[in-house]
Amino acid sequence: MFNLLADAAAAPTQNLWQTVMMIGVAVVFFYFILWRPEKKRRKAMETKRSSMQKGDQVTAMGIIGKVVKIDDATVTITTGGDTKIEMLKAAITDVTPASAK
């Protein structure tokens, strides 16, 4: 009878450690599967945006245009004809250098 009471008292401690270990494994999983690749992708896109030059083709929100003017936080693009659009650099999702064409 005393053995049953001793086993029952030890079980919650073991379950607590199992829970802590599972949470730790989940955090490590999310770091390597979700957060780390997203951080790399964001850093690569920021590098592309900072290396943007006049004449490069950019895509932002489905709008494709060529860079006409670059400021600190904004970019002016032309989409054809006399149409010019000023947008934030952060809105640009793809940059194709003019030399790549």
PDB file of N, CA and C in Angstrom:
ATOM      1  N   MET A   1       0.808  -1.182   0.000  1.00  0.00           N
ATOM      2  CA  MET A   1       0.000   0.000   0.000  1.00  0.00           C
ATOM      3  C   MET A   1       0.860   1.257   0.000  1.00  0.00           C
ATOM      4  N   PHE A   2       1.944   1.226   0.765  1.00  0.00           N
ATOM      5  CA  PHE A   2       2.819   2.391   0.793  1.00  0.00           C
ATOM      6  C   PHE A   2       3.524   2.586  -0.547  1.00  0.00           C
ATOM      7  N   ASN A   3       3.762   1.489  -1.251  1.00  0.00           N
ATOM      8  CA  ASN A   3       4.392   1.597  -2.568  1.00  0.00           C
ATOM      9  C   ASN A   3       3.477   2.324  -3.558  1.00  0.00           C
ATOM     10  N   LEU A   4       2.189   2.080  -3.487  1.00  0.00           N
ATOM     11  CA  LEU A   4       1.242   2.757  -4.368  1.00  0.00           C
ATOM     12  C   LEU A   4       1.201   4.253  -4.090  1.00  0.00           C
ATOM     13  N   LEU A   5       1.248   4.628  -2.820  1.00  0.00           N
ATOM     14  CA  LEU A   5       1.257   6.047  -2.465  1.00  0.00           C
ATOM     15  C   LEU A   5       2.546   6.719  -2.929  1.00  0.00           C
ATOM     16  N   ALA A   6       3.661   6.025  -2.817  1.00  0.00           N
ATOM     17  CA  ALA A   6       4.949   6.581  -3.251  1.00  0.00           C
ATOM     18  C   ALA A   6       4.963   6.760  -4.768  1.00  0.00           C
ATOM     19  N   ASP A   7       4.424   5.789  -5.496  1.00  0.00           N
ATOM     20  CA  ASP A   7       4.364   5.904  -6.961  1.00  0.00           C
ATOM     21  C   ASP A   7       3.446   7.047  -7.388  1.00  0.00           C
ATOM     22  N   ALA A   8       2.346   7.216  -6.696  1.00  0.00           N
ATOM     23  CA  ALA A   8       1.401   8.282  -7.029  1.00  0.00           C
ATOM     24  C   ALA A   8       2.013   9.652  -6.761  1.00  0.00           C
ATOM     25  N   ALA A   9       2.828   9.764  -5.732  1.00  0.00           N
ATOM     26  CA  ALA A   9       3.465  11.041  -5.410  1.00  0.00           C
ATOM     27  C   ALA A   9       4.563  11.372  -6.408  1.00  0.00           C
ATOM     28  N   ALA A  10       5.242  10.394  -6.963  1.00  0.00           N
ATOM     29  CA  ALA A  10       6.340  10.628  -7.906  1.00  0.00           C
ATOM     30  C   ALA A  10       5.826  10.951  -9.305  1.00  0.00           C
ATOM     31  N   ALA A  11       4.652  10.526  -9.653  1.00  0.00           N
ATOM     32  CA  ALA A  11       4.121  10.700 -11.001  1.00  0.00           C
ATOM     33  C   ALA A  11       3.950  12.160 -11.415  1.00  0.00           C
ATOM     34  N   PRO A  12       3.407  13.050 -10.585  1.00  0.00           N
ATOM     35  CA  PRO A  12       3.253  14.438 -11.028  1.00  0.00           C
ATOM     36  C   PRO A  12       4.582  15.117 -11.353  1.00  0.00           C
ATOM     37  N   THR A  13       5.638  14.818 -10.633  1.00  0.00           N
ATOM     38  CA  THR A  13       6.949  15.404 -10.920  1.00  0.00           C
ATOM     39  C   THR A  13       7.445  14.945 -12.283  1.00  0.00           C
ATOM     40  N   GLN A  14       7.275  13.679 -12.568  1.00  0.00           N
ATOM     41  CA  GLN A  14       7.699  13.155 -13.855  1.00  0.00           C
ATOM     42  C   GLN A  14       6.876  13.790 -14.979  1.00  0.00           C
ATOM     43  N   ASN A  15       5.597  13.953 -14.802  1.00  0.00           N
ATOM     44  CA  ASN A  15       4.753  14.575 -15.818  1.00  0.00           C
ATOM     45  C   ASN A  15       5.125  16.036 -16.028  1.00  0.00           C
ATOM     46  N   LEU A  16       5.505  16.728 -14.962  1.00  0.00           N
ATOM     47  CA  LEU A  16       5.927  18.117 -15.077  1.00  0.00           C
ATOM     48  C   LEU A  16       7.174  18.217 -15.946  1.00  0.00           C
ATOM     49  N   TRP A  17       8.144  17.347 -15.718  1.00  0.00           N
ATOM     50  CA  TRP A  17       9.370  17.378 -16.531  1.00  0.00           C
ATOM     51  C   TRP A  17       9.087  17.026 -17.986  1.00  0.00           C
ATOM     52  N   GLN A  18       8.192  16.090 -18.198  1.00  0.00           N
ATOM     53  CA  GLN A  18       7.823  15.745 -19.571  1.00  0.00           C
ATOM     54  C   GLN A  18       7.163  16.934 -20.265  1.00  0.00           C
ATOM     55  N   THR A  19       6.323  17.644 -19.555  1.00  0.00           N
ATOM     56  CA  THR A  19       5.666  18.820 -20.118  1.00  0.00           C
ATOM     57  C   THR A  19       6.679  19.903 -20.450  1.00  0.00           C
ATOM     58  N   VAL A  20       7.604  20.156 -19.535  1.00  0.00           N
ATOM     59  CA  VAL A  20       8.643  21.162 -19.767  1.00  0.00           C
ATOM     60  C   VAL A  20       9.503  20.771 -20.963  1.00  0.00           C
ATOM     61  N   MET A  21       9.850  19.507 -21.074  1.00  0.00           N
ATOM     62  CA  MET A  21      10.666  19.039 -22.204  1.00  0.00           C
ATOM     63  C   MET A  21       9.904  19.189 -23.523  1.00  0.00           C
ATOM     64  N   MET A  22       8.626  18.883 -23.537  1.00  0.00           N
ATOM     65  CA  MET A  22       7.838  19.009 -24.763  1.00  0.00           C
ATOM     66  C   MET A  22       7.713  20.469 -25.184  1.00  0.00           C
ATOM     67  N   ILE A  23       7.548  21.367 -24.223  1.00  0.00           N
ATOM     68  CA  ILE A  23       7.495  22.793 -24.547  1.00  0.00           C
ATOM     69  C   ILE A  23       8.836  23.244 -25.110  1.00  0.00           C
ATOM     70  N   GLY A  24       9.925  22.776 -24.508  1.00  0.00           N
ATOM     71  CA  GLY A  24      11.263  23.111 -25.014  1.00  0.00           C
ATOM     72  C   GLY A  24      11.480  22.604 -26.431  1.00  0.00           C
ATOM     73  N   VAL A  25      11.058  21.390 -26.704  1.00  0.00           N
ATOM     74  CA  VAL A  25      11.187  20.826 -28.051  1.00  0.00           C
ATOM     75  C   VAL A  25      10.348  21.634 -29.039  1.00  0.00           C
ATOM     76  N   ALA A  26       9.156  22.049 -28.633  1.00  0.00           N
ATOM     77  CA  ALA A  26       8.295  22.844 -29.515  1.00  0.00           C
ATOM     78  C   ALA A  26       8.927  24.193 -29.826  1.00  0.00           C
ATOM     79  N   VAL A  27       9.530  24.837 -28.830  1.00  0.00           N
ATOM     80  CA  VAL A  27      10.186  26.129 -29.053  1.00  0.00           C
ATOM     81  C   VAL A  27      11.355  25.972 -30.019  1.00  0.00           C
ATOM     82  N   VAL A  28      12.166  24.946 -29.831  1.00  0.00           N
ATOM     83  CA  VAL A  28      13.295  24.698 -30.739  1.00  0.00           C
ATOM     84  C   VAL A  28      12.784  24.405 -32.145  1.00  0.00           C
ATOM     85  N   PHE A  29      11.730  23.620 -32.259  1.00  0.00           N
ATOM     86  CA  PHE A  29      11.133  23.302 -33.553  1.00  0.00           C
ATOM     87  C   PHE A  29      10.676  24.573 -34.266  1.00  0.00           C
ATOM     88  N   PHE A  30       9.929  25.421 -33.559  1.00  0.00           N
ATOM     89  CA  PHE A  30       9.453  26.664 -34.169  1.00  0.00           C
ATOM     90  C   PHE A  30      10.607  27.569 -34.565  1.00  0.00           C
ATOM     91  N   TYR A  31      11.661  27.600 -33.775  1.00  0.00           N
ATOM     92  CA  TYR A  31      12.805  28.450 -34.105  1.00  0.00           C
ATOM     93  C   TYR A  31      13.435  28.012 -35.423  1.00  0.00           C
ATOM     94  N   PHE A  32      13.739  26.724 -35.552  1.00  0.00           N
ATOM     95  CA  PHE A  32      14.444  26.253 -36.744  1.00  0.00           C
ATOM     96  C   PHE A  32      13.540  26.114 -37.966  1.00  0.00           C
ATOM     97  N   ILE A  33      12.274  25.857 -37.775  1.00  0.00           N
ATOM     98  CA  ILE A  33      11.381  25.651 -38.911  1.00  0.00           C
ATOM     99  C   ILE A  33      10.703  26.946 -39.362  1.00  0.00           C
ATOM    100  N   LEU A  34      10.385  27.844 -38.456  1.00  0.00           N
ATOM    101  CA  LEU A  34       9.635  29.043 -38.820  1.00  0.00           C
ATOM    102  C   LEU A  34      10.433  30.333 -38.691  1.00  0.00           C
ATOM    103  N   TRP A  35      10.940  30.632 -37.520  1.00  0.00           N
ATOM    104  CA  TRP A  35      11.526  31.946 -37.268  1.00  0.00           C
ATOM    105  C   TRP A  35      12.845  32.159 -37.987  1.00  0.00           C
ATOM    106  N   ARG A  36      13.727  31.199 -37.951  1.00  0.00           N
ATOM    107  CA  ARG A  36      15.051  31.361 -38.567  1.00  0.00           C
ATOM    108  C   ARG A  36      14.970  31.539 -40.082  1.00  0.00           C
ATOM    109  N   PRO A  37      14.244  30.697 -40.821  1.00  0.00           N
ATOM    110  CA  PRO A  37      14.136  30.919 -42.272  1.00  0.00           C
ATOM    111  C   PRO A  37      13.475  32.254 -42.619  1.00  0.00           C
ATOM    112  N   GLU A  38      12.484  32.663 -41.834  1.00  0.00           N
ATOM    113  CA  GLU A  38      11.826  33.942 -42.093  1.00  0.00           C
ATOM    114  C   GLU A  38      12.795  35.098 -41.883  1.00  0.00           C
ATOM    115  N   LYS A  39      13.631  34.994 -40.874  1.00  0.00           N
ATOM    116  CA  LYS A  39      14.626  36.039 -40.612  1.00  0.00           C
ATOM    117  C   LYS A  39      15.631  36.117 -41.764  1.00  0.00           C
ATOM    118  N   LYS A  40      16.054  34.968 -42.281  1.00  0.00           N
ATOM    119  CA  LYS A  40      16.978  34.949 -43.424  1.00  0.00           C
ATOM    120  C   LYS A  40      16.327  35.559 -44.661  1.00  0.00           C
ATOM    121  N   ARG A  41      15.062  35.218 -44.905  1.00  0.00           N
ATOM    122  CA  ARG A  41      14.355  35.744 -46.070  1.00  0.00           C
ATOM    123  C   ARG A  41      14.195  37.258 -45.964  1.00  0.00           C
ATOM    124  N   ARG A  42      13.851  37.729 -44.778  1.00  0.00           N
ATOM    125  CA  ARG A  42      13.675  39.166 -44.561  1.00  0.00           C
ATOM    126  C   ARG A  42      14.993  39.915 -44.749  1.00  0.00           C
ATOM    127  N   LYS A  43      16.084  39.333 -44.264  1.00  0.00           N
ATOM    128  CA  LYS A  43      17.399  39.963 -44.405  1.00  0.00           C
ATOM    129  C   LYS A  43      17.819  40.005 -45.881  1.00  0.00           C
ATOM    130  N   ALA A  44      17.558  38.939 -46.633  1.00  0.00           N
ATOM    131  CA  ALA A  44      17.895  38.911 -48.058  1.00  0.00           C
ATOM    132  C   ALA A  44      17.089  39.953 -48.829  1.00  0.00           C
ATOM    133  N   MET A  45      15.809  40.111 -48.496  1.00  0.00           N
ATOM    134  CA  MET A  45      14.981  41.109 -49.180  1.00  0.00           C
ATOM    135  C   MET A  45      15.440  42.513 -48.839  1.00  0.00           C
ATOM    136  N   GLU A  46      15.847  42.746 -47.601  1.00  0.00           N
ATOM    137  CA  GLU A  46      16.351  44.063 -47.206  1.00  0.00           C
ATOM    138  C   GLU A  46      17.643  44.384 -47.957  1.00  0.00           C
ATOM    139  N   THR A  47      18.480  43.387 -48.187  1.00  0.00           N
ATOM    140  CA  THR A  47      19.705  43.583 -48.966  1.00  0.00           C
ATOM    141  C   THR A  47      19.368  43.954 -50.405  1.00  0.00           C
ATOM    142  N   LYS A  48      18.372  43.277 -50.989  1.00  0.00           N
ATOM    143  CA  LYS A  48      17.938  43.610 -52.354  1.00  0.00           C
ATOM    144  C   LYS A  48      17.419  45.037 -52.437  1.00  0.00           C
ATOM    145  N   ARG A  49      16.610  45.426 -51.453  1.00  0.00           N
ATOM    146  CA  ARG A  49      16.047  46.782 -51.458  1.00  0.00           C
ATOM    147  C   ARG A  49      17.134  47.841 -51.328  1.00  0.00           C
ATOM    148  N   SER A  50      18.132  47.574 -50.502  1.00  0.00           N
ATOM    149  CA  SER A  50      19.181  48.578 -50.297  1.00  0.00           C
ATOM    150  C   SER A  50      20.119  48.678 -51.499  1.00  0.00           C
ATOM    151  N   SER A  51      20.196  47.637 -52.324  1.00  0.00           N
ATOM    152  CA  SER A  51      21.072  47.672 -53.498  1.00  0.00           C
ATOM    153  C   SER A  51      20.324  48.103 -54.762  1.00  0.00           C
ATOM    154  N   MET A  52      19.081  48.531 -54.618  1.00  0.00           N
ATOM    155  CA  MET A  52      18.269  48.969 -55.744  1.00  0.00           C
ATOM    156  C   MET A  52      18.877  50.207 -56.405  1.00  0.00           C
ATOM    157  N   GLN A  53      18.810  50.261 -57.736  1.00  0.00           N
ATOM    158  CA  GLN A  53      19.346  51.394 -58.489  1.00  0.00           C
ATOM    159  C   GLN A  53      18.314  51.846 -59.519  1.00  0.00           C
ATOM    160  N   LYS A  54      18.549  53.024 -60.086  1.00  0.00           N
ATOM    161  CA  LYS A  54      17.666  53.510 -61.148  1.00  0.00           C
ATOM    162  C   LYS A  54      17.700  52.533 -62.313  1.00  0.00           C
ATOM    163  N   GLY A  55      16.548  52.285 -62.901  1.00  0.00           N
ATOM    164  CA  GLY A  55      16.448  51.386 -64.040  1.00  0.00           C
ATOM    165  C   GLY A  55      16.099  49.955 -63.662  1.00  0.00           C
ATOM    166  N   ASP A  56      16.210  49.593 -62.387  1.00  0.00           N
ATOM    167  CA  ASP A  56      15.849  48.245 -61.952  1.00  0.00           C
ATOM    168  C   ASP A  56      14.337  48.060 -62.043  1.00  0.00           C
ATOM    169  N   GLN A  57      13.919  46.842 -62.335  1.00  0.00           N
ATOM    170  CA  GLN A  57      12.495  46.532 -62.372  1.00  0.00           C
ATOM    171  C   GLN A  57      12.086  46.036 -60.990  1.00  0.00           C
ATOM    172  N   VAL A  58      11.001  46.585 -60.458  1.00  0.00           N
ATOM    173  CA  VAL A  58      10.529  46.203 -59.131  1.00  0.00           C
ATOM    174  C   VAL A  58       9.066  45.787 -59.196  1.00  0.00           C
ATOM    175  N   THR A  59       8.672  44.981 -58.225  1.00  0.00           N
ATOM    176  CA  THR A  59       7.284  44.573 -58.071  1.00  0.00           C
ATOM    177  C   THR A  59       6.840  44.954 -56.671  1.00  0.00           C
ATOM    178  N   ALA A  60       5.689  45.594 -56.589  1.00  0.00           N
ATOM    179  CA  ALA A  60       5.120  45.963 -55.294  1.00  0.00           C
ATOM    180  C   ALA A  60       3.610  45.875 -55.384  1.00  0.00           C
ATOM    181  N   MET A  61       3.012  45.022 -54.568  1.00  0.00           N
ATOM    182  CA  MET A  61       1.554  44.869 -54.523  1.00  0.00           C
ATOM    183  C   MET A  61       0.974  44.555 -55.896  1.00  0.00           C
ATOM    184  N   GLY A  62       1.693  43.806 -56.709  1.00  0.00           N
ATOM    185  CA  GLY A  62       1.221  43.446 -58.036  1.00  0.00           C
ATOM    186  C   GLY A  62       1.523  44.471 -59.105  1.00  0.00           C
ATOM    187  N   ILE A  63       2.100  45.596 -58.740  1.00  0.00           N
ATOM    188  CA  ILE A  63       2.449  46.643 -59.702  1.00  0.00           C
ATOM    189  C   ILE A  63       3.902  46.439 -60.117  1.00  0.00           C
ATOM    190  N   ILE A  64       4.140  46.383 -61.419  1.00  0.00           N
ATOM    191  CA  ILE A  64       5.490  46.208 -61.950  1.00  0.00           C
ATOM    192  C   ILE A  64       5.915  47.516 -62.585  1.00  0.00           C
ATOM    193  N   GLY A  65       7.110  47.962 -62.249  1.00  0.00           N
ATOM    194  CA  GLY A  65       7.595  49.216 -62.812  1.00  0.00           C
ATOM    195  C   GLY A  65       9.101  49.316 -62.751  1.00  0.00           C
ATOM    196  N   LYS A  66       9.626  50.390 -63.348  1.00  0.00           N
ATOM    197  CA  LYS A  66      11.063  50.649 -63.334  1.00  0.00           C
ATOM    198  C   LYS A  66      11.353  51.801 -62.388  1.00  0.00           C
ATOM    199  N   VAL A  67      12.448  51.672 -61.654  1.00  0.00           N
ATOM    200  CA  VAL A  67      12.826  52.686 -60.677  1.00  0.00           C
ATOM    201  C   VAL A  67      13.299  53.942 -61.394  1.00  0.00           C
ATOM    202  N   VAL A  68      12.727  55.085 -60.996  1.00  0.00           N
ATOM    203  CA  VAL A  68      13.096  56.377 -61.566  1.00  0.00           C
ATOM    204  C   VAL A  68      13.889  57.193 -60.551  1.00  0.00           C
ATOM    205  N   LYS A  69      13.463  57.127 -59.291  1.00  0.00           N
ATOM    206  CA  LYS A  69      14.073  57.945 -58.246  1.00  0.00           C
ATOM    207  C   LYS A  69      14.057  57.170 -56.932  1.00  0.00           C
ATOM    208  N   ILE A  70      15.153  57.275 -56.171  1.00  0.00           N
ATOM    209  CA  ILE A  70      15.254  56.588 -54.888  1.00  0.00           C
ATOM    210  C   ILE A  70      15.553  57.616 -53.803  1.00  0.00           C
ATOM    211  N   ASP A  71      14.720  57.631 -52.760  1.00  0.00           N
ATOM    212  CA  ASP A  71      14.952  58.465 -51.583  1.00  0.00           C
ATOM    213  C   ASP A  71      15.278  57.550 -50.404  1.00  0.00           C
ATOM    214  N   ASP A  72      15.359  58.130 -49.214  1.00  0.00           N
ATOM    215  CA  ASP A  72      15.679  57.332 -48.031  1.00  0.00           C
ATOM    216  C   ASP A  72      14.641  56.247 -47.762  1.00  0.00           C
ATOM    217  N   ALA A  73      13.382  56.606 -47.759  1.00  0.00           N
ATOM    218  CA  ALA A  73      12.329  55.655 -47.412  1.00  0.00           C
ATOM    219  C   ALA A  73      11.378  55.359 -48.561  1.00  0.00           C
ATOM    220  N   THR A  74      11.463  56.116 -49.655  1.00  0.00           N
ATOM    221  CA  THR A  74      10.523  55.932 -50.759  1.00  0.00           C
ATOM    222  C   THR A  74      11.249  55.691 -52.075  1.00  0.00           C
ATOM    223  N   VAL A  75      10.498  55.146 -53.016  1.00  0.00           N
ATOM    224  CA  VAL A  75      10.987  54.887 -54.370  1.00  0.00           C
ATOM    225  C   VAL A  75       9.910  55.372 -55.331  1.00  0.00           C
ATOM    226  N   THR A  76      10.322  56.058 -56.389  1.00  0.00           N
ATOM    227  CA  THR A  76       9.387  56.463 -57.432  1.00  0.00           C
ATOM    228  C   THR A  76       9.614  55.555 -58.627  1.00  0.00           C
ATOM    229  N   ILE A  77       8.522  54.948 -59.110  1.00  0.00           N
ATOM    230  CA  ILE A  77       8.629  54.051 -60.262  1.00  0.00           C
ATOM    231  C   ILE A  77       7.737  54.569 -61.376  1.00  0.00           C
ATOM    232  N   THR A  78       8.055  54.154 -62.594  1.00  0.00           N
ATOM    233  CA  THR A  78       7.208  54.442 -63.741  1.00  0.00           C
ATOM    234  C   THR A  78       6.658  53.112 -64.235  1.00  0.00           C
ATOM    235  N   THR A  79       5.366  53.107 -64.542  1.00  0.00           N
ATOM    236  CA  THR A  79       4.718  51.878 -64.979  1.00  0.00           C
ATOM    237  C   THR A  79       4.431  51.880 -66.472  1.00  0.00           C
ATOM    238  N   GLY A  80       4.853  52.912 -67.140  1.00  0.00           N
ATOM    239  CA  GLY A  80       4.626  53.028 -68.572  1.00  0.00           C
ATOM    240  C   GLY A  80       4.034  54.385 -68.888  1.00  0.00           C
ATOM    241  N   GLY A  81       4.460  54.954 -69.989  1.00  0.00           N
ATOM    242  CA  GLY A  81       3.963  56.282 -70.339  1.00  0.00           C
ATOM    243  C   GLY A  81       4.470  57.315 -69.347  1.00  0.00           C
ATOM    244  N   ASP A  82       3.581  58.206 -68.938  1.00  0.00           N
ATOM    245  CA  ASP A  82       3.945  59.255 -67.986  1.00  0.00           C
ATOM    246  C   ASP A  82       3.506  58.927 -66.561  1.00  0.00           C
ATOM    247  N   THR A  83       3.086  57.716 -66.317  1.00  0.00           N
ATOM    248  CA  THR A  83       2.597  57.334 -64.996  1.00  0.00           C
ATOM    249  C   THR A  83       3.763  57.094 -64.047  1.00  0.00           C
ATOM    250  N   LYS A  84       3.777  57.857 -62.953  1.00  0.00           N
ATOM    251  CA  LYS A  84       4.795  57.675 -61.918  1.00  0.00           C
ATOM    252  C   LYS A  84       4.092  57.414 -60.599  1.00  0.00           C
ATOM    253  N   ILE A  85       4.613  56.461 -59.846  1.00  0.00           N
ATOM    254  CA  ILE A  85       4.036  56.099 -58.556  1.00  0.00           C
ATOM    255  C   ILE A  85       5.142  56.157 -57.510  1.00  0.00           C
ATOM    256  N   GLU A  86       4.855  56.851 -56.408  1.00  0.00           N
ATOM    257  CA  GLU A  86       5.803  56.889 -55.291  1.00  0.00           C
ATOM    258  C   GLU A  86       5.314  55.900 -54.240  1.00  0.00           C
ATOM    259  N   MET A  87       6.214  55.025 -53.783  1.00  0.00           N
ATOM    260  CA  MET A  87       5.833  54.030 -52.782  1.00  0.00           C
ATOM    261  C   MET A  87       6.954  53.838 -51.774  1.00  0.00           C
ATOM    262  N   LEU A  88       6.621  53.243 -50.660  1.00  0.00           N
ATOM    263  CA  LEU A  88       7.608  52.955 -49.633  1.00  0.00           C
ATOM    264  C   LEU A  88       8.515  51.819 -50.080  1.00  0.00           C
ATOM    265  N   LYS A  89       9.786  51.902 -49.700  1.00  0.00           N
ATOM    266  CA  LYS A  89      10.718  50.820 -50.022  1.00  0.00           C
ATOM    267  C   LYS A  89      10.262  49.504 -49.396  1.00  0.00           C
ATOM    268  N   ALA A  90       9.690  49.585 -48.211  1.00  0.00           N
ATOM    269  CA  ALA A  90       9.257  48.376 -47.510  1.00  0.00           C
ATOM    270  C   ALA A  90       8.143  47.636 -48.249  1.00  0.00           C
ATOM    271  N   ALA A  91       7.423  48.314 -49.147  1.00  0.00           N
ATOM    272  CA  ALA A  91       6.332  47.680 -49.890  1.00  0.00           C
ATOM    273  C   ALA A  91       6.833  46.866 -51.073  1.00  0.00           C
ATOM    274  N   ILE A  92       8.077  47.057 -51.468  1.00  0.00           N
ATOM    275  CA  ILE A  92       8.623  46.363 -52.638  1.00  0.00           C
ATOM    276  C   ILE A  92       8.901  44.911 -52.279  1.00  0.00           C
ATOM    277  N   THR A  93       8.381  44.001 -53.107  1.00  0.00           N
ATOM    278  CA  THR A  93       8.506  42.577 -52.827  1.00  0.00           C
ATOM    279  C   THR A  93       9.510  41.863 -53.713  1.00  0.00           C
ATOM    280  N   ASP A  94       9.917  42.481 -54.828  1.00  0.00           N
ATOM    281  CA  ASP A  94      10.899  41.846 -55.708  1.00  0.00           C
ATOM    282  C   ASP A  94      11.671  42.921 -56.456  1.00  0.00           C
ATOM    283  N   VAL A  95      12.970  42.678 -56.637  1.00  0.00           N
ATOM    284  CA  VAL A  95      13.837  43.601 -57.371  1.00  0.00           C
ATOM    285  C   VAL A  95      14.598  42.794 -58.411  1.00  0.00           C
ATOM    286  N   THR A  96      14.492  43.215 -59.687  1.00  0.00           N
ATOM    287  CA  THR A  96      15.258  42.597 -60.765  1.00  0.00           C
ATOM    288  C   THR A  96      16.206  43.655 -61.308  1.00  0.00           C
ATOM    289  N   PRO A  97      17.508  43.462 -61.136  1.00  0.00           N
ATOM    290  CA  PRO A  97      18.461  44.469 -61.626  1.00  0.00           C
ATOM    291  C   PRO A  97      18.340  44.673 -63.130  1.00  0.00           C
ATOM    292  N   ALA A  98      18.607  45.894 -63.581  1.00  0.00           N
ATOM    293  CA  ALA A  98      18.526  46.215 -65.008  1.00  0.00           C
ATOM    294  C   ALA A  98      19.525  45.394 -65.804  1.00  0.00           C
ATOM    295  N   SER A  99      20.646  45.040 -65.211  1.00  0.00           N
ATOM    296  CA  SER A  99      21.668  44.264 -65.913  1.00  0.00           C
ATOM    297  C   SER A  99      21.262  42.808 -66.097  1.00  0.00           C
ATOM    298  N   ALA A 100      20.252  42.331 -65.379  1.00  0.00           N
ATOM    299  CA  ALA A 100      19.815  40.937 -65.485  1.00  0.00           C
ATOM    300  C   ALA A 100      18.969  40.682 -66.719  1.00  0.00           C
ATOM    301  N   LYS A 101      18.486  41.728 -67.346  1.00  0.00           N
ATOM    302  CA  LYS A 101      17.628  41.552 -68.526  1.00  0.00           C
ATOM    303  C   LYS A 101      18.430  41.326 -69.741  1.00  0.00           C
TER     304      LYS A 101
END
